[in-house]
Full PDB file with SEQRES, HELIX, SHEET, SSBOND, CRYST1, ORIGX, SCALE, CONECT and MASTER records, all heavy atoms in Angstrom:
SEQRES   1 A   31  ALA LEU GLU SER GLY GLY VAL ILE ALA ILE PRO THR ASP          
SEQRES   2 A   31  THR VAL TYR GLY LEU ALA ALA SER LEU HIS ARG ARG ASP          
SEQRES   3 A   31  ALA LEU ARG ARG ILE                                          
HELIX    1 AA1 ARG A   25  ARG A   30  1                                   6    
SHEET    1 AA1 2 ILE A   8  ILE A  10  0                                        
SHEET    2 AA1 2 GLY A  17  ALA A  19 -1                                        
CRYST1    1.000    1.000    1.000  90.00  90.00  90.00 P 1           1          
ORIGX1      1.000000  0.000000  0.000000        0.00000                         
ORIGX2      0.000000  1.000000  0.000000        0.00000                         
ORIGX3      0.000000  0.000000  1.000000        0.00000                         
SCALE1      1.000000  0.000000  0.000000        0.00000                         
SCALE2      0.000000  1.000000  0.000000        0.00000                         
SCALE3      0.000000  0.000000  1.000000        0.00000                         
ATOM      1  N   ALA A   1     114.071 114.032  89.902  1.00  0.00           N  
ATOM      2  CA  ALA A   1     114.010 112.719  89.257  1.00  0.00           C  
ATOM      3  C   ALA A   1     113.062 112.728  88.065  1.00  0.00           C  
ATOM      4  O   ALA A   1     113.355 112.170  87.008  1.00  0.00           O  
ATOM      5  CB  ALA A   1     113.597 111.658  90.268  1.00  0.00           C  
ATOM      6  N   LEU A   2     111.905 113.371  88.226  1.00  0.00           N  
ATOM      7  CA  LEU A   2     110.929 113.439  87.134  1.00  0.00           C  
ATOM      8  C   LEU A   2     111.496 114.187  85.935  1.00  0.00           C  
ATOM      9  O   LEU A   2     111.349 113.761  84.787  1.00  0.00           O  
ATOM     10  CB  LEU A   2     109.652 114.117  87.624  1.00  0.00           C  
ATOM     11  CG  LEU A   2     108.765 113.332  88.587  1.00  0.00           C  
ATOM     12  CD1 LEU A   2     107.745 114.256  89.234  1.00  0.00           C  
ATOM     13  CD2 LEU A   2     108.071 112.186  87.874  1.00  0.00           C  
ATOM     14  N   GLU A   3     112.128 115.314  86.195  1.00  0.00           N  
ATOM     15  CA  GLU A   3     112.656 116.131  85.107  1.00  0.00           C  
ATOM     16  C   GLU A   3     113.808 115.437  84.386  1.00  0.00           C  
ATOM     17  O   GLU A   3     114.097 115.734  83.222  1.00  0.00           O  
ATOM     18  CB  GLU A   3     113.099 117.488  85.649  1.00  0.00           C  
ATOM     19  CG  GLU A   3     111.929 118.359  86.097  1.00  0.00           C  
ATOM     20  CD  GLU A   3     112.372 119.676  86.715  1.00  0.00           C  
ATOM     21  OE1 GLU A   3     113.571 119.775  87.078  1.00  0.00           O  
ATOM     22  OE2 GLU A   3     111.526 120.577  86.838  1.00  0.00           O  
ATOM     23  N   SER A   4     114.474 114.493  85.088  1.00  0.00           N  
ATOM     24  CA  SER A   4     115.569 113.735  84.483  1.00  0.00           C  
ATOM     25  C   SER A   4     115.072 112.507  83.718  1.00  0.00           C  
ATOM     26  O   SER A   4     115.882 111.730  83.209  1.00  0.00           O  
ATOM     27  CB  SER A   4     116.558 113.298  85.575  1.00  0.00           C  
ATOM     28  OG  SER A   4     117.118 114.422  86.228  1.00  0.00           O  
ATOM     29  N   GLY A   5     113.759 112.333  83.671  1.00  0.00           N  
ATOM     30  CA  GLY A   5     113.194 111.188  82.957  1.00  0.00           C  
ATOM     31  C   GLY A   5     113.041 109.954  83.808  1.00  0.00           C  
ATOM     32  O   GLY A   5     112.845 108.854  83.282  1.00  0.00           O  
ATOM     33  N   GLY A   6     113.096 110.119  85.119  1.00  0.00           N  
ATOM     34  CA  GLY A   6     112.929 108.973  86.007  1.00  0.00           C  
ATOM     35  C   GLY A   6     111.474 108.693  86.317  1.00  0.00           C  
ATOM     36  O   GLY A   6     110.616 109.565  86.189  1.00  0.00           O  
ATOM     37  N   VAL A   7     111.211 107.466  86.711  1.00  0.00           N  
ATOM     38  CA  VAL A   7     109.906 107.074  87.238  1.00  0.00           C  
ATOM     39  C   VAL A   7     110.025 107.052  88.750  1.00  0.00           C  
ATOM     40  O   VAL A   7     110.936 106.431  89.301  1.00  0.00           O  
ATOM     41  CB  VAL A   7     109.479 105.691  86.719  1.00  0.00           C  
ATOM     42  CG1 VAL A   7     108.189 105.226  87.397  1.00  0.00           C  
ATOM     43  CG2 VAL A   7     109.287 105.724  85.210  1.00  0.00           C  
ATOM     44  N   ILE A   8     109.138 107.749  89.438  1.00  0.00           N  
ATOM     45  CA  ILE A   8     109.171 107.805  90.896  1.00  0.00           C  
ATOM     46  C   ILE A   8     107.936 107.111  91.466  1.00  0.00           C  
ATOM     47  O   ILE A   8     107.001 106.770  90.727  1.00  0.00           O  
ATOM     48  CB  ILE A   8     109.245 109.258  91.403  1.00  0.00           C  
ATOM     49  CG1 ILE A   8     107.927 110.001  91.120  1.00  0.00           C  
ATOM     50  CG2 ILE A   8     110.437 109.988  90.771  1.00  0.00           C  
ATOM     51  CD1 ILE A   8     107.839 111.358  91.817  1.00  0.00           C  
ATOM     52  N   ALA A   9     107.941 106.904  92.756  1.00  0.00           N  
ATOM     53  CA  ALA A   9     106.766 106.370  93.449  1.00  0.00           C  
ATOM     54  C   ALA A   9     106.275 107.407  94.446  1.00  0.00           C  
ATOM     55  O   ALA A   9     107.078 108.025  95.144  1.00  0.00           O  
ATOM     56  CB  ALA A   9     107.098 105.063  94.168  1.00  0.00           C  
ATOM     57  N   ILE A  10     104.957 107.608  94.481  1.00  0.00           N  
ATOM     58  CA  ILE A  10     104.359 108.574  95.396  1.00  0.00           C  
ATOM     59  C   ILE A  10     103.211 107.920  96.160  1.00  0.00           C  
ATOM     60  O   ILE A  10     102.541 107.028  95.650  1.00  0.00           O  
ATOM     61  CB  ILE A  10     103.843 109.819  94.663  1.00  0.00           C  
ATOM     62  CG1 ILE A  10     102.729 109.452  93.656  1.00  0.00           C  
ATOM     63  CG2 ILE A  10     104.980 110.556  93.964  1.00  0.00           C  
ATOM     64  CD1 ILE A  10     102.051 110.673  93.020  1.00  0.00           C  
ATOM     65  N   PRO A  11     102.982 108.357  97.389  1.00  0.00           N  
ATOM     66  CA  PRO A  11     101.819 107.857  98.126  1.00  0.00           C  
ATOM     67  C   PRO A  11     100.565 108.549  97.628  1.00  0.00           C  
ATOM     68  O   PRO A  11     100.612 109.692  97.171  1.00  0.00           O  
ATOM     69  CB  PRO A  11     102.123 108.260  99.577  1.00  0.00           C  
ATOM     70  CG  PRO A  11     102.923 109.526  99.425  1.00  0.00           C  
ATOM     71  CD  PRO A  11     103.746 109.352  98.162  1.00  0.00           C  
ATOM     72  N   THR A  12      99.440 107.855  97.689  1.00  0.00           N  
ATOM     73  CA  THR A  12      98.156 108.479  97.377  1.00  0.00           C  
ATOM     74  C   THR A  12      97.150 108.060  98.435  1.00  0.00           C  
ATOM     75  O   THR A  12      97.480 107.349  99.380  1.00  0.00           O  
ATOM     76  CB  THR A  12      97.620 108.088  95.981  1.00  0.00           C  
ATOM     77  OG1 THR A  12      97.107 106.757  96.021  1.00  0.00           O  
ATOM     78  CG2 THR A  12      98.703 108.197  94.916  1.00  0.00           C  
ATOM     79  N   ASP A  13      95.917 108.488  98.265  1.00  0.00           N  
ATOM     80  CA  ASP A  13      94.864 108.122  99.200  1.00  0.00           C  
ATOM     81  C   ASP A  13      94.421 106.671  99.031  1.00  0.00           C  
ATOM     82  O   ASP A  13      93.680 106.153  99.870  1.00  0.00           O  
ATOM     83  CB  ASP A  13      93.658 109.050  99.055  1.00  0.00           C  
ATOM     84  CG  ASP A  13      93.233 109.241  97.611  1.00  0.00           C  
ATOM     85  OD1 ASP A  13      94.075 109.079  96.706  1.00  0.00           O  
ATOM     86  OD2 ASP A  13      92.050 109.555  97.369  1.00  0.00           O  
ATOM     87  N   THR A  14      94.858 106.017  97.967  1.00  0.00           N  
ATOM     88  CA  THR A  14      94.516 104.598  97.777  1.00  0.00           C  
ATOM     89  C   THR A  14      95.759 103.737  97.979  1.00  0.00           C  
ATOM     90  O   THR A  14      95.893 103.074  98.995  1.00  0.00           O  
ATOM     91  CB  THR A  14      93.893 104.359  96.393  1.00  0.00           C  
ATOM     92  OG1 THR A  14      94.759 104.868  95.372  1.00  0.00           O  
ATOM     93  CG2 THR A  14      92.548 105.051  96.280  1.00  0.00           C  
ATOM     94  N   VAL A  15      96.681 103.738  97.017  1.00  0.00           N  
ATOM     95  CA  VAL A  15      97.921 102.963  97.138  1.00  0.00           C  
ATOM     96  C   VAL A  15      99.080 103.829  96.652  1.00  0.00           C  
ATOM     97  O   VAL A  15      98.883 104.939  96.165  1.00  0.00           O  
ATOM     98  CB  VAL A  15      97.869 101.666  96.292  1.00  0.00           C  
ATOM     99  CG1 VAL A  15      96.779 100.737  96.802  1.00  0.00           C  
ATOM    100  CG2 VAL A  15      97.666 101.992  94.818  1.00  0.00           C  
ATOM    101  N   TYR A  16     100.312 103.333  96.805  1.00  0.00           N  
ATOM    102  CA  TYR A  16     101.447 104.027  96.200  1.00  0.00           C  
ATOM    103  C   TYR A  16     101.363 103.876  94.685  1.00  0.00           C  
ATOM    104  O   TYR A  16     100.916 102.838  94.172  1.00  0.00           O  
ATOM    105  CB  TYR A  16     102.775 103.461  96.708  1.00  0.00           C  
ATOM    106  CG  TYR A  16     103.289 104.170  97.942  1.00  0.00           C  
ATOM    107  CD1 TYR A  16     102.677 103.975  99.182  1.00  0.00           C  
ATOM    108  CD2 TYR A  16     104.377 105.037  97.876  1.00  0.00           C  
ATOM    109  CE1 TYR A  16     103.136 104.633 100.322  1.00  0.00           C  
ATOM    110  CE2 TYR A  16     104.841 105.696  99.004  1.00  0.00           C  
ATOM    111  CZ  TYR A  16     104.225 105.497 100.223  1.00  0.00           C  
ATOM    112  OH  TYR A  16     104.667 106.150 101.348  1.00  0.00           O  
ATOM    113  N   GLY A  17     101.789 104.924  93.983  1.00  0.00           N  
ATOM    114  CA  GLY A  17     101.710 104.893  92.538  1.00  0.00           C  
ATOM    115  C   GLY A  17     103.051 105.172  91.886  1.00  0.00           C  
ATOM    116  O   GLY A  17     103.903 105.872  92.444  1.00  0.00           O  
ATOM    117  N   LEU A  18     103.245 104.614  90.700  1.00  0.00           N  
ATOM    118  CA  LEU A  18     104.391 104.947  89.856  1.00  0.00           C  
ATOM    119  C   LEU A  18     104.027 106.176  89.044  1.00  0.00           C  
ATOM    120  O   LEU A  18     102.987 106.200  88.380  1.00  0.00           O  
ATOM    121  CB  LEU A  18     104.726 103.794  88.917  1.00  0.00           C  
ATOM    122  CG  LEU A  18     105.268 102.512  89.556  1.00  0.00           C  
ATOM    123  CD1 LEU A  18     105.452 101.440  88.487  1.00  0.00           C  
ATOM    124  CD2 LEU A  18     106.575 102.778  90.279  1.00  0.00           C  
ATOM    125  N   ALA A  19     104.881 107.187  89.079  1.00  0.00           N  
ATOM    126  CA  ALA A  19     104.574 108.460  88.434  1.00  0.00           C  
ATOM    127  C   ALA A  19     105.664 108.846  87.452  1.00  0.00           C  
ATOM    128  O   ALA A  19     106.855 108.639  87.707  1.00  0.00           O  
ATOM    129  CB  ALA A  19     104.406 109.557  89.478  1.00  0.00           C  
ATOM    130  N   ALA A  20     105.240 109.437  86.333  1.00  0.00           N  
ATOM    131  CA  ALA A  20     106.175 109.927  85.319  1.00  0.00           C  
ATOM    132  C   ALA A  20     105.664 111.226  84.747  1.00  0.00           C  
ATOM    133  O   ALA A  20     104.452 111.471  84.688  1.00  0.00           O  
ATOM    134  CB  ALA A  20     106.353 108.890  84.204  1.00  0.00           C  
ATOM    135  N   SER A  21     106.596 112.060  84.305  1.00  0.00           N  
ATOM    136  CA  SER A  21     106.243 113.328  83.670  1.00  0.00           C  
ATOM    137  C   SER A  21     105.581 113.081  82.326  1.00  0.00           C  
ATOM    138  O   SER A  21     106.020 112.236  81.541  1.00  0.00           O  
ATOM    139  CB  SER A  21     107.501 114.175  83.472  1.00  0.00           C  
ATOM    140  OG  SER A  21     107.235 115.289  82.643  1.00  0.00           O  
ATOM    141  N   LEU A  22     104.564 113.852  82.042  1.00  0.00           N  
ATOM    142  CA  LEU A  22     103.895 113.754  80.745  1.00  0.00           C  
ATOM    143  C   LEU A  22     104.770 114.298  79.619  1.00  0.00           C  
ATOM    144  O   LEU A  22     104.470 114.087  78.445  1.00  0.00           O  
ATOM    145  CB  LEU A  22     102.567 114.515  80.788  1.00  0.00           C  
ATOM    146  CG  LEU A  22     101.517 113.935  81.734  1.00  0.00           C  
ATOM    147  CD1 LEU A  22     100.347 114.895  81.866  1.00  0.00           C  
ATOM    148  CD2 LEU A  22     101.040 112.583  81.257  1.00  0.00           C  
ATOM    149  N   HIS A  23     105.844 114.989  79.981  1.00  0.00           N  
ATOM    150  CA  HIS A  23     106.746 115.547  78.983  1.00  0.00           C  
ATOM    151  C   HIS A  23     107.922 114.619  78.670  1.00  0.00           C  
ATOM    152  O   HIS A  23     108.758 114.950  77.826  1.00  0.00           O  
ATOM    153  CB  HIS A  23     107.285 116.900  79.461  1.00  0.00           C  
ATOM    154  CG  HIS A  23     106.214 117.888  79.790  1.00  0.00           C  
ATOM    155  ND1 HIS A  23     105.384 118.422  78.829  1.00  0.00           N  
ATOM    156  CD2 HIS A  23     105.823 118.414  80.977  1.00  0.00           C  
ATOM    157  CE1 HIS A  23     104.524 119.257  79.414  1.00  0.00           C  
ATOM    158  NE2 HIS A  23     104.770 119.268  80.702  1.00  0.00           N  
ATOM    159  N   ARG A  24     107.985 113.474  79.374  1.00  0.00           N  
ATOM    160  CA  ARG A  24     109.078 112.536  79.151  1.00  0.00           C  
ATOM    161  C   ARG A  24     108.505 111.208  78.660  1.00  0.00           C  
ATOM    162  O   ARG A  24     108.088 110.351  79.444  1.00  0.00           O  
ATOM    163  CB  ARG A  24     109.879 112.327  80.444  1.00  0.00           C  
ATOM    164  CG  ARG A  24     110.621 113.562  80.928  1.00  0.00           C  
ATOM    165  CD  ARG A  24     111.692 114.012  79.934  1.00  0.00           C  
ATOM    166  NE  ARG A  24     112.660 112.989  79.643  1.00  0.00           N  
ATOM    167  CZ  ARG A  24     113.948 113.033  80.014  1.00  0.00           C  
ATOM    168  NH1 ARG A  24     114.409 114.069  80.698  1.00  0.00           N  
ATOM    169  NH2 ARG A  24     114.771 112.050  79.677  1.00  0.00           N  
ATOM    170  N   ARG A  25     108.452 111.073  77.335  1.00  0.00           N  
ATOM    171  CA  ARG A  25     107.897 109.857  76.744  1.00  0.00           C  
ATOM    172  C   ARG A  25     108.719 108.631  77.112  1.00  0.00           C  
ATOM    173  O   ARG A  25     108.168 107.522  77.239  1.00  0.00           O  
ATOM    174  CB  ARG A  25     107.793 110.013  75.224  1.00  0.00           C  
ATOM    175  CG  ARG A  25     106.782 111.074  74.796  1.00  0.00           C  
ATOM    176  CD  ARG A  25     106.750 111.265  73.287  1.00  0.00           C  
ATOM    177  NE  ARG A  25     105.809 112.301  72.900  1.00  0.00           N  
ATOM    178  CZ  ARG A  25     104.537 112.081  72.600  1.00  0.00           C  
ATOM    179  NH1 ARG A  25     104.050 110.849  72.649  1.00  0.00           N  
ATOM    180  NH2 ARG A  25     103.732 113.066  72.258  1.00  0.00           N  
ATOM    181  N   ASP A  26     110.026 108.813  77.310  1.00  0.00           N  
ATOM    182  CA  ASP A  26     110.858 107.689  77.720  1.00  0.00           C  
ATOM    183  C   ASP A  26     110.441 107.179  79.095  1.00  0.00           C  
ATOM    184  O   ASP A  26     110.409 105.968  79.344  1.00  0.00           O  
ATOM    185  CB  ASP A  26     112.338 108.078  77.713  1.00  0.00           C  
ATOM    186  CG  ASP A  26     112.630 109.354  78.516  1.00  0.00           C  
ATOM    187  OD1 ASP A  26     111.698 110.132  78.803  1.00  0.00           O  
ATOM    188  OD2 ASP A  26     113.818 109.571  78.848  1.00  0.00           O  
ATOM    189  N   ALA A  27     110.096 108.092  79.994  1.00  0.00           N  
ATOM    190  CA  ALA A  27     109.660 107.706  81.333  1.00  0.00           C  
ATOM    191  C   ALA A  27     108.285 107.033  81.300  1.00  0.00           C  
ATOM    192  O   ALA A  27     108.038 106.071  82.035  1.00  0.00           O  
ATOM    193  CB  ALA A  27     109.625 108.929  82.246  1.00  0.00           C  
ATOM    194  N   LEU A  28     107.402 107.539  80.440  1.00  0.00           N  
ATOM    195  CA  LEU A  28     106.083 106.922  80.312  1.00  0.00           C  
ATOM    196  C   LEU A  28     106.210 105.480  79.831  1.00  0.00           C  
ATOM    197  O   LEU A  28     105.539 104.573  80.343  1.00  0.00           O  
ATOM    198  CB  LEU A  28     105.212 107.728  79.340  1.00  0.00           C  
ATOM    199  CG  LEU A  28     104.866 109.157  79.795  1.00  0.00           C  
ATOM    200  CD1 LEU A  28     104.200 109.915  78.666  1.00  0.00           C  
ATOM    201  CD2 LEU A  28     103.964 109.127  81.019  1.00  0.00           C  
ATOM    202  N   ARG A  29     107.102 105.254  78.864  1.00  0.00           N  
ATOM    203  CA  ARG A  29     107.324 103.886  78.392  1.00  0.00           C  
ATOM    204  C   ARG A  29     107.960 103.029  79.486  1.00  0.00           C  
ATOM    205  O   ARG A  29     107.681 101.828  79.581  1.00  0.00           O  
ATOM    206  CB  ARG A  29     108.202 103.903  77.147  1.00  0.00           C  
ATOM    207  CG  ARG A  29     107.525 104.510  75.915  1.00  0.00           C  
ATOM    208  CD  ARG A  29     108.339 104.282  74.657  1.00  0.00           C  
ATOM    209  NE  ARG A  29     109.599 105.014  74.678  1.00  0.00           N  
ATOM    210  CZ  ARG A  29     109.760 106.240  74.181  1.00  0.00           C  
ATOM    211  NH1 ARG A  29     108.730 106.889  73.642  1.00  0.00           N  
ATOM    212  NH2 ARG A  29     110.936 106.828  74.219  1.00  0.00           N  
ATOM    213  N   ARG A  30     108.794 103.645  80.313  1.00  0.00           N  
ATOM    214  CA  ARG A  30     109.481 102.893  81.366  1.00  0.00           C  
ATOM    215  C   ARG A  30     108.498 102.368  82.411  1.00  0.00           C  
ATOM    216  O   ARG A  30     108.737 101.325  83.024  1.00  0.00           O  
ATOM    217  CB  ARG A  30     110.550 103.771  82.015  1.00  0.00           C  
ATOM    218  CG  ARG A  30     111.555 102.996  82.874  1.00  0.00           C  
ATOM    219  CD  ARG A  30     112.721 103.885  83.273  1.00  0.00           C  
ATOM    220  NE  ARG A  30     113.468 104.327  82.114  1.00  0.00           N  
ATOM    221  CZ  ARG A  30     113.634 105.606  81.763  1.00  0.00           C  
ATOM    222  NH1 ARG A  30     113.085 106.572  82.484  1.00  0.00           N  
ATOM    223  NH2 ARG A  30     114.327 105.915  80.693  1.00  0.00           N  
ATOM    224  N   ILE A  31     107.401 103.086  82.628  1.00  0.00           N  
ATOM    225  CA  ILE A  31     106.400 102.592  83.579  1.00  0.00           C  
ATOM    226  C   ILE A  31     105.934 101.193  83.186  1.00  0.00           C  
ATOM    227  O   ILE A  31     105.812 100.299  84.014  1.00  0.00           O  
ATOM    228  CB  ILE A  31     105.195 103.558  83.665  1.00  0.00           C  
ATOM    229  CG1 ILE A  31     105.571 104.808  84.455  1.00  0.00           C  
ATOM    230  CG2 ILE A  31     103.998 102.862  84.324  1.00  0.00           C  
ATOM    231  CD1 ILE A  31     104.429 105.785  84.641  1.00  0.00           C  
TER     232      ILE A  31                                                      
MASTER        0    0    0    1    2    0    0    6  231    1    0    3          
END                                                                             
């Protein structure tokens, strides 16, 4: 999903986060 330019959600030690690849500017804007 990340490599396709998608925004995913991942669990962390605090809360779930929205994650995007640093190589996909379209995904960063989508966040």
